[in-house]
Amino acid sequence: MRRFRPNIFVRTTRAVPFEEDDWVGATLQFGDGDDAAAIAVTTRDVRCAMINFDPDGGNHPEMMKTVVRIHDNTAGVYATVTRIGRLAVGQRVTLHRSA
């Protein structure tokens, strides 16, 4: 996980590769209530060669080749903060789609 340098890591209950692609255009809410932090998922993340470098084990060029080959050189998503708030490990994350 450190290789991809995420700001936020969301573990889902579904075992779907690149599930985050379906989040583009939606909002993720972290926690419950009107003051819960939220982000608008804006686009897929086009990866650079840095994913070849494992911070714990050196250079592995096959990582980038794999991401390019199987997923158009994207892995992860970008988002914009729409409501500030606290994030916590184990916090409930809810996906909201626009109607």
C-alpha atoms as a PDB file:
ATOM      1  CA  MET A   1       0.000   0.000   0.000  1.00  0.00           C
ATOM      2  CA  ARG A   2       2.849   2.438   0.749  1.00  0.00           C
ATOM      3  CA  ARG A   3       4.025   2.107  -2.835  1.00  0.00           C
ATOM      4  CA  PHE A   4       0.882   3.908  -4.072  1.00  0.00           C
ATOM      5  CA  ARG A   5       1.148   6.678  -1.427  1.00  0.00           C
ATOM      6  CA  PRO A   6      -2.589   7.110  -0.733  1.00  0.00           C
ATOM      7  CA  ASN A   7      -3.829   9.993   1.374  1.00  0.00           C
ATOM      8  CA  ILE A   8      -6.891   7.932   2.264  1.00  0.00           C
ATOM      9  CA  PHE A   9      -7.225   4.165   2.009  1.00  0.00           C
ATOM     10  CA  VAL A  10     -10.751   2.704   1.936  1.00  0.00           C
ATOM     11  CA  ARG A  11     -11.223  -1.015   2.499  1.00  0.00           C
ATOM     12  CA  THR A  12     -14.517  -2.155   0.984  1.00  0.00           C
ATOM     13  CA  THR A  13     -16.615  -5.243   1.624  1.00  0.00           C
ATOM     14  CA  ARG A  14     -16.622  -6.182  -2.070  1.00  0.00           C
ATOM     15  CA  ALA A  15     -13.735  -8.012  -3.731  1.00  0.00           C
ATOM     16  CA  VAL A  16     -13.912  -6.008  -6.967  1.00  0.00           C
ATOM     17  CA  PRO A  17     -10.671  -4.948  -8.684  1.00  0.00           C
ATOM     18  CA  PHE A  18     -10.476  -1.186  -9.213  1.00  0.00           C
ATOM     19  CA  GLU A  19     -13.864  -0.661  -7.575  1.00  0.00           C
ATOM     20  CA  GLU A  20     -12.928   2.992  -7.070  1.00  0.00           C
ATOM     21  CA  ASP A  21     -13.462   3.633 -10.805  1.00  0.00           C
ATOM     22  CA  ASP A  22     -17.211   3.509 -10.128  1.00  0.00           C
ATOM     23  CA  TRP A  23     -16.870   6.240  -7.492  1.00  0.00           C
ATOM     24  CA  VAL A  24     -15.983   8.966 -10.014  1.00  0.00           C
ATOM     25  CA  GLY A  25     -18.786  11.539  -9.924  1.00  0.00           C
ATOM     26  CA  ALA A  26     -19.941  10.387  -6.483  1.00  0.00           C
ATOM     27  CA  THR A  27     -19.226  11.594  -2.946  1.00  0.00           C
ATOM     28  CA  LEU A  28     -17.632   9.638  -0.116  1.00  0.00           C
ATOM     29  CA  GLN A  29     -18.756  10.551   3.400  1.00  0.00           C
ATOM     30  CA  PHE A  30     -16.582   9.612   6.372  1.00  0.00           C
ATOM     31  CA  GLY A  31     -18.625   8.970   9.487  1.00  0.00           C
ATOM     32  CA  ASP A  32     -22.221   9.896  10.217  1.00  0.00           C
ATOM     33  CA  GLY A  33     -24.059  13.151  10.744  1.00  0.00           C
ATOM     34  CA  ASP A  34     -24.345  16.515   9.071  1.00  0.00           C
ATOM     35  CA  ASP A  35     -20.786  17.438  10.036  1.00  0.00           C
ATOM     36  CA  ALA A  36     -19.143  14.276   8.624  1.00  0.00           C
ATOM     37  CA  ALA A  37     -16.141  14.821   6.356  1.00  0.00           C
ATOM     38  CA  ALA A  38     -16.858  14.338   2.655  1.00  0.00           C
ATOM     39  CA  ILE A  39     -14.976  14.290  -0.641  1.00  0.00           C
ATOM     40  CA  ALA A  40     -16.172  14.475  -4.246  1.00  0.00           C
ATOM     41  CA  VAL A  41     -14.407  11.832  -6.348  1.00  0.00           C
ATOM     42  CA  THR A  42     -13.349  13.631  -9.511  1.00  0.00           C
ATOM     43  CA  THR A  43     -11.164  11.409 -11.703  1.00  0.00           C
ATOM     44  CA  ARG A  44      -9.122   8.234 -11.968  1.00  0.00           C
ATOM     45  CA  ASP A  45      -5.452   8.499 -10.955  1.00  0.00           C
ATOM     46  CA  VAL A  46      -3.022   8.140 -13.862  1.00  0.00           C
ATOM     47  CA  ARG A  47       0.022   6.544 -12.267  1.00  0.00           C
ATOM     48  CA  CYS A  48       3.632   7.599 -12.703  1.00  0.00           C
ATOM     49  CA  ALA A  49       6.744   5.423 -12.575  1.00  0.00           C
ATOM     50  CA  MET A  50       7.065   5.926  -8.794  1.00  0.00           C
ATOM     51  CA  ILE A  51       4.866   2.863  -8.219  1.00  0.00           C
ATOM     52  CA  ASN A  52       7.846   0.806  -9.424  1.00  0.00           C
ATOM     53  CA  PHE A  53       9.699   1.774  -6.257  1.00  0.00           C
ATOM     54  CA  ASP A  54       8.697  -0.193  -3.199  1.00  0.00           C
ATOM     55  CA  PRO A  55       9.723   1.886  -0.157  1.00  0.00           C
ATOM     56  CA  ASP A  56      10.362  -1.367   1.711  1.00  0.00           C
ATOM     57  CA  GLY A  57      12.108  -3.393  -0.965  1.00  0.00           C
ATOM     58  CA  GLY A  58      13.580  -1.569  -3.937  1.00  0.00           C
ATOM     59  CA  ASN A  59      12.741  -1.298  -7.611  1.00  0.00           C
ATOM     60  CA  HIS A  60      10.067  -3.539  -9.215  1.00  0.00           C
ATOM     61  CA  PRO A  61       9.361  -2.349 -12.798  1.00  0.00           C
ATOM     62  CA  GLU A  62       6.728  -5.039 -13.296  1.00  0.00           C
ATOM     63  CA  MET A  63       4.286  -3.038 -11.146  1.00  0.00           C
ATOM     64  CA  MET A  64       3.992  -0.188 -13.649  1.00  0.00           C
ATOM     65  CA  LYS A  65       3.852  -2.603 -16.589  1.00  0.00           C
ATOM     66  CA  THR A  66       0.983  -4.449 -14.932  1.00  0.00           C
ATOM     67  CA  VAL A  67      -1.021  -1.289 -14.180  1.00  0.00           C
ATOM     68  CA  VAL A  68      -0.505  -0.069 -17.762  1.00  0.00           C
ATOM     69  CA  ARG A  69      -1.443  -3.433 -19.266  1.00  0.00           C
ATOM     70  CA  ILE A  70      -4.509  -4.304 -17.215  1.00  0.00           C
ATOM     71  CA  HIS A  71      -5.965  -0.909 -16.317  1.00  0.00           C
ATOM     72  CA  ASP A  72      -5.020   1.899 -18.727  1.00  0.00           C
ATOM     73  CA  ASN A  73      -2.235   3.099 -16.418  1.00  0.00           C
ATOM     74  CA  THR A  74      -4.700   4.090 -13.673  1.00  0.00           C
ATOM     75  CA  ALA A  75      -5.062   2.934 -10.085  1.00  0.00           C
ATOM     76  CA  GLY A  76      -6.872   4.922  -7.424  1.00  0.00           C
ATOM     77  CA  VAL A  77      -8.833   8.152  -7.722  1.00  0.00           C
ATOM     78  CA  TYR A  78      -8.484  11.875  -7.062  1.00  0.00           C
ATOM     79  CA  ALA A  79     -11.011  13.775  -4.995  1.00  0.00           C
ATOM     80  CA  THR A  80     -11.812  17.250  -3.738  1.00  0.00           C
ATOM     81  CA  VAL A  81     -12.789  18.007  -0.151  1.00  0.00           C
ATOM     82  CA  THR A  82     -16.405  19.168  -0.012  1.00  0.00           C
ATOM     83  CA  ARG A  83     -16.822  19.141   3.778  1.00  0.00           C
ATOM     84  CA  ILE A  84     -13.993  19.210   6.298  1.00  0.00           C
ATOM     85  CA  GLY A  85     -14.057  16.901   9.292  1.00  0.00           C
ATOM     86  CA  ARG A  86     -12.206  14.162  11.115  1.00  0.00           C
ATOM     87  CA  LEU A  87     -11.143  10.868   9.587  1.00  0.00           C
ATOM     88  CA  ALA A  88     -10.462   7.826  11.747  1.00  0.00           C
ATOM     89  CA  VAL A  89      -9.290   4.268  11.186  1.00  0.00           C
ATOM     90  CA  GLY A  90     -12.284   1.949  11.072  1.00  0.00           C
ATOM     91  CA  GLN A  91     -14.712   4.785  10.384  1.00  0.00           C
ATOM     92  CA  ARG A  92     -17.819   4.061   8.341  1.00  0.00           C
ATOM     93  CA  VAL A  93     -17.524   5.326   4.742  1.00  0.00           C
ATOM     94  CA  THR A  94     -20.676   5.876   2.691  1.00  0.00           C
ATOM     95  CA  LEU A  95     -20.857   6.338  -1.079  1.00  0.00           C
ATOM     96  CA  HIS A  96     -23.436   8.897  -2.270  1.00  0.00           C
ATOM     97  CA  ARG A  97     -24.302   9.119  -5.960  1.00  0.00           C
ATOM     98  CA  SER A  98     -25.938  12.147  -7.549  1.00  0.00           C
ATOM     99  CA  ALA A  99     -29.432  11.582  -8.823  1.00  0.00           C
END
